[in-house]
């Protein structure tokens, strides 16, 4: 068979493209919701961070998770919690925000090393090829841990936070974006929209803008000023 495998590869690429677009559309919609319901989003994220910290403590006490990776995960989420002080606005040059970005990668690396070492050690201790290792997490359990305890809060913050580099001063003259219900809402809806949407929303808009320019340049998309 020659044609059917090519169709299989093509279907895989198309399916992956549709899945990526579906995830991006969902995150874009969540960014819109966070922009409209800032108070609820902040309360939810704070409770989520506190819940994950509690979950990591429970895993350490009951399932005997290692101490230092657990402390690293708790410290990372405490740093994430520090980003909530001026939610939803964030300065991309803020040391706390940069520290959060570094801790995401470090936390992922440490836990990946832990689970890979645990599985490797379990398979080495098998006396027979037909034995099955015991007391090691499955792929589903590892993926669920990474999704909930490692990546959930950073992705939620990425969708929720708004880059405040282009935010205009309010009528009251205050540049602090931390207070919900402060003078930042006095300027009306125009200033609120000009303050910028979520970071993920800005990234998607930039990608769409670049795609439109490339499409017009290559002739795949007709320019709007062309009759």
Protein backbone atom coordinates (compact mmCIF):
# COMPACT_ATOMS: atom_id res chain seq x y z
CA UNK A 1 0.00 0.00 0.00
CA UNK A 2 1.29 3.43 -0.98
CA UNK A 3 -1.64 5.81 -1.09
CA UNK A 4 -3.43 4.83 2.12
CA UNK A 5 -0.42 5.58 4.42
CA UNK A 6 -0.12 9.01 2.77
CA UNK A 7 -3.81 9.61 3.48
CA UNK A 8 -3.19 8.55 7.08
CA UNK A 9 -0.36 11.05 7.45
CA UNK A 10 -2.47 13.77 5.87
CA UNK A 11 -5.38 13.01 8.19
CA UNK A 12 -3.06 13.15 11.20
CA UNK A 13 -1.77 16.58 10.19
CA UNK A 14 -5.30 17.89 9.52
CA UNK A 15 -6.61 16.48 12.80
CA UNK A 16 -3.72 17.99 14.75
CA UNK A 17 -4.41 21.34 13.07
CA UNK A 18 -8.09 21.24 14.00
CA UNK A 19 -7.22 20.23 17.58
CA UNK A 20 -4.77 23.12 17.87
CA UNK A 21 -7.34 25.57 16.53
CA UNK A 22 -9.98 24.22 18.95
CA UNK A 23 -7.66 24.65 21.95
CA UNK A 24 -6.64 28.14 20.81
CA UNK A 25 -10.30 29.13 20.35
CA UNK A 26 -11.16 27.85 23.83
CA UNK A 27 -8.29 29.74 25.44
CA UNK A 28 -9.23 32.87 23.50
CA UNK A 29 -12.80 32.61 24.81
CA UNK A 30 -11.52 32.09 28.36
CA UNK A 31 -9.39 35.21 27.97
CA UNK A 32 -12.52 37.16 27.00
CA UNK A 33 -14.37 35.80 30.05
CA UNK A 34 -11.54 36.73 32.40
CA UNK A 35 -11.44 40.23 30.94
CA UNK A 36 -15.16 40.64 31.68
CA UNK A 37 -15.19 38.95 35.12
CA UNK A 38 -11.90 40.01 36.69
CA UNK A 39 -12.98 39.76 40.33
CA UNK A 40 -14.31 36.21 39.98
CA UNK A 41 -11.24 35.14 37.98
CA UNK A 42 -8.87 36.48 40.65
CA UNK A 43 -10.79 34.74 43.43
CA UNK A 44 -10.84 31.48 41.45
CA UNK A 45 -7.10 31.58 40.70
CA UNK A 46 -6.22 32.29 44.33
CA UNK A 47 -8.34 29.34 45.48
CA UNK A 48 -6.83 27.16 42.74
CA UNK A 49 -3.28 27.95 43.82
CA UNK A 50 -4.12 27.29 47.47
CA UNK A 51 -5.81 24.01 46.54
CA UNK A 52 -2.80 22.78 44.55
CA UNK A 53 -0.46 23.66 47.41
CA UNK A 54 -2.67 21.62 49.72
CA UNK A 55 -2.75 18.77 47.20
CA UNK A 56 1.04 18.66 47.05
CA UNK A 57 1.22 18.50 50.84
CA UNK A 58 -1.27 15.60 50.82
CA UNK A 59 0.77 13.76 48.18
CA UNK A 60 3.89 14.20 50.29
CA UNK A 61 2.23 12.92 53.48
CA UNK A 62 0.18 10.05 52.04
CA UNK A 63 1.89 8.93 48.82
CA UNK A 64 5.43 9.67 50.08
CA UNK A 65 6.38 12.08 47.32
CA UNK A 66 9.99 13.37 47.57
CA UNK A 67 10.60 16.32 49.87
CA UNK A 68 12.69 18.69 47.76
CA UNK A 69 10.61 18.52 44.56
CA UNK A 70 7.51 19.02 46.69
CA UNK A 71 9.03 22.07 48.37
CA UNK A 72 10.01 23.39 44.94
CA UNK A 73 6.45 22.97 43.68
CA UNK A 74 5.02 24.71 46.74
CA UNK A 75 7.53 27.56 46.42
CA UNK A 76 6.67 27.93 42.72
CA UNK A 77 2.96 28.26 43.50
CA UNK A 78 3.68 30.77 46.26
CA UNK A 79 5.52 32.83 43.63
CA UNK A 80 2.56 32.43 41.27
CA UNK A 81 0.37 33.72 44.08
CA UNK A 82 2.56 36.81 44.28
CA UNK A 83 1.59 37.67 40.69
CA UNK A 84 -1.99 38.12 41.89
CA UNK A 85 -1.17 41.32 43.79
CA UNK A 86 -1.92 43.47 40.70
CA UNK A 87 -4.14 41.03 38.83
CA UNK A 88 -4.93 41.07 35.94
CA UNK A 89 -2.15 43.47 34.96
CA UNK A 90 1.49 42.47 34.87
CA UNK A 91 4.74 44.10 33.83
CA UNK A 92 6.68 41.73 31.59
CA UNK A 93 9.91 43.03 33.16
CA UNK A 94 8.69 42.39 36.72
CA UNK A 95 11.28 40.19 38.54
CA UNK A 96 8.49 38.16 40.14
CA UNK A 97 6.97 37.42 36.73
CA UNK A 98 10.36 36.45 35.30
CA UNK A 99 10.99 34.23 38.33
CA UNK A 100 7.63 32.55 37.72
CA UNK A 101 8.60 31.77 34.11
CA UNK A 102 11.86 30.21 35.27
CA UNK A 103 10.17 28.18 38.02
CA UNK A 104 7.70 26.70 35.54
CA UNK A 105 10.54 25.16 33.52
CA UNK A 106 12.54 24.14 36.60
CA UNK A 107 9.53 22.50 38.27
CA UNK A 108 8.73 20.59 35.08
CA UNK A 109 12.34 19.38 34.74
CA UNK A 110 12.62 18.27 38.38
CA UNK A 111 9.38 16.26 38.33
CA UNK A 112 10.19 14.77 34.92
CA UNK A 113 13.52 13.55 36.28
CA UNK A 114 11.82 12.15 39.37
CA UNK A 115 9.19 10.12 37.50
CA UNK A 116 11.62 8.89 34.83
CA UNK A 117 14.13 7.79 37.50
CA UNK A 118 11.40 6.05 39.48
CA UNK A 119 10.23 4.07 36.48
CA UNK A 120 13.76 3.19 35.41
CA UNK A 121 14.61 1.95 38.90
CA UNK A 122 11.41 -0.14 39.05
CA UNK A 123 12.14 -1.86 35.74
CA UNK A 124 15.73 -2.57 36.76
CA UNK A 125 14.56 -4.32 39.92
CA UNK A 126 12.35 -6.75 38.00
CA UNK A 127 13.55 -10.34 38.36
CA UNK A 128 11.82 -11.56 35.20
CA UNK A 129 10.82 -10.05 31.89
CA UNK A 130 7.24 -11.17 32.48
CA UNK A 131 6.96 -9.44 35.84
CA UNK A 132 5.11 -6.15 36.08
CA UNK A 133 6.55 -3.33 38.19
CA UNK A 134 4.55 -2.37 41.26
CA UNK A 135 4.00 0.93 43.01
CA UNK A 136 4.96 3.08 40.05
CA UNK A 137 2.60 5.68 38.58
CA UNK A 138 1.04 5.04 35.20
CA UNK A 139 1.30 7.36 32.24
CA UNK A 140 -2.21 8.68 32.93
CA UNK A 141 -1.34 9.47 36.54
CA UNK A 142 1.92 11.21 35.57
CA UNK A 143 0.21 13.24 32.85
CA UNK A 144 -2.57 14.20 35.25
CA UNK A 145 -0.04 15.34 37.86
CA UNK A 146 1.81 17.47 35.33
CA UNK A 147 -1.43 18.91 34.00
CA UNK A 148 -2.87 19.83 37.42
CA UNK A 149 0.08 20.42 39.73
CA UNK A 150 2.69 21.78 37.30
CA UNK A 151 1.09 23.43 34.27
CA UNK A 152 -2.49 24.33 35.22
CA UNK A 153 -1.73 27.52 37.18
CA UNK A 154 0.92 28.87 34.73
CA UNK A 155 -1.44 28.36 31.79
CA UNK A 156 -4.29 29.97 33.73
CA UNK A 157 -2.10 32.96 34.55
CA UNK A 158 -0.94 33.21 30.94
CA UNK A 159 -4.54 33.33 29.75
CA UNK A 160 -5.69 35.69 32.50
CA UNK A 161 -2.90 38.24 32.89
CA UNK A 162 -2.84 41.36 30.75
CA UNK A 163 0.32 43.13 29.65
CA UNK A 164 0.07 46.66 31.06
CA UNK A 165 2.81 48.34 29.00
CA UNK A 166 0.27 50.30 26.94
CA UNK A 167 -2.22 51.12 29.69
CA UNK A 168 -3.08 54.81 29.77
CA UNK A 169 -3.26 56.74 33.05
CA UNK A 170 -6.70 57.03 34.58
CA UNK A 171 -8.57 60.26 35.27
CA UNK A 172 -7.48 60.11 38.89
CA UNK A 173 -3.85 60.12 37.74
CA UNK A 174 -3.07 56.78 39.38
CA UNK A 175 -1.01 54.28 37.47
CA UNK A 176 -1.60 51.43 39.91
CA UNK A 177 -3.61 48.66 38.29
CA UNK A 178 -3.95 46.54 41.35
CA UNK A 179 -7.17 47.76 42.90
CA UNK A 180 -10.34 46.31 41.54
CA UNK A 181 -13.08 48.90 41.47
CA UNK A 182 -10.60 51.78 41.81
CA UNK A 183 -10.37 54.90 39.67
CA UNK A 184 -9.17 52.80 36.74
CA UNK A 185 -12.80 52.23 35.77
CA UNK A 186 -13.73 55.91 35.81
CA UNK A 187 -12.36 56.50 32.33
CA UNK A 188 -15.10 54.41 30.76
CA UNK A 189 -15.07 51.40 28.51
CA UNK A 190 -12.67 52.92 25.98
CA UNK A 191 -9.79 53.11 28.44
CA UNK A 192 -10.55 49.64 29.66
CA UNK A 193 -10.35 48.23 26.17
CA UNK A 194 -7.25 50.27 25.39
CA UNK A 195 -5.64 48.82 28.48
CA UNK A 196 -5.13 45.63 26.52
CA UNK A 197 -6.67 42.22 26.67
CA UNK A 198 -5.10 39.06 27.96
CA UNK A 199 -1.57 38.09 27.02
CA UNK A 200 -2.82 35.02 25.13
CA UNK A 201 -5.39 37.14 23.33
CA UNK A 202 -2.66 39.60 22.30
CA UNK A 203 -0.49 36.75 21.01
CA UNK A 204 -3.36 35.31 18.94
CA UNK A 205 -4.22 38.74 17.52
CA UNK A 206 -0.59 39.29 16.56
CA UNK A 207 -0.41 35.90 14.83
CA UNK A 208 -3.62 36.61 12.92
CA UNK A 209 -2.32 40.03 11.90
CA UNK A 210 0.96 38.58 10.61
CA UNK A 211 -0.95 35.84 8.79
CA UNK A 212 -3.12 38.46 7.10
CA UNK A 213 -0.08 40.45 5.97
CA UNK A 214 1.62 37.34 4.61
CA UNK A 215 -1.57 36.28 2.85
CA UNK A 216 -1.91 39.66 1.20
CA UNK A 217 1.76 39.67 0.18
CA UNK A 218 1.57 36.21 -1.38
CA UNK A 219 -1.76 36.85 -3.09
CA UNK A 220 -3.66 34.24 -1.05
CA UNK A 221 -5.76 36.99 0.50
CA UNK A 222 -6.91 40.06 -1.35
CA UNK A 223 -6.09 43.37 0.26
CA UNK A 224 -9.06 45.31 1.63
CA UNK A 225 -8.14 48.49 -0.26
CA UNK A 226 -8.18 46.65 -3.59
CA UNK A 227 -11.42 47.13 -5.65
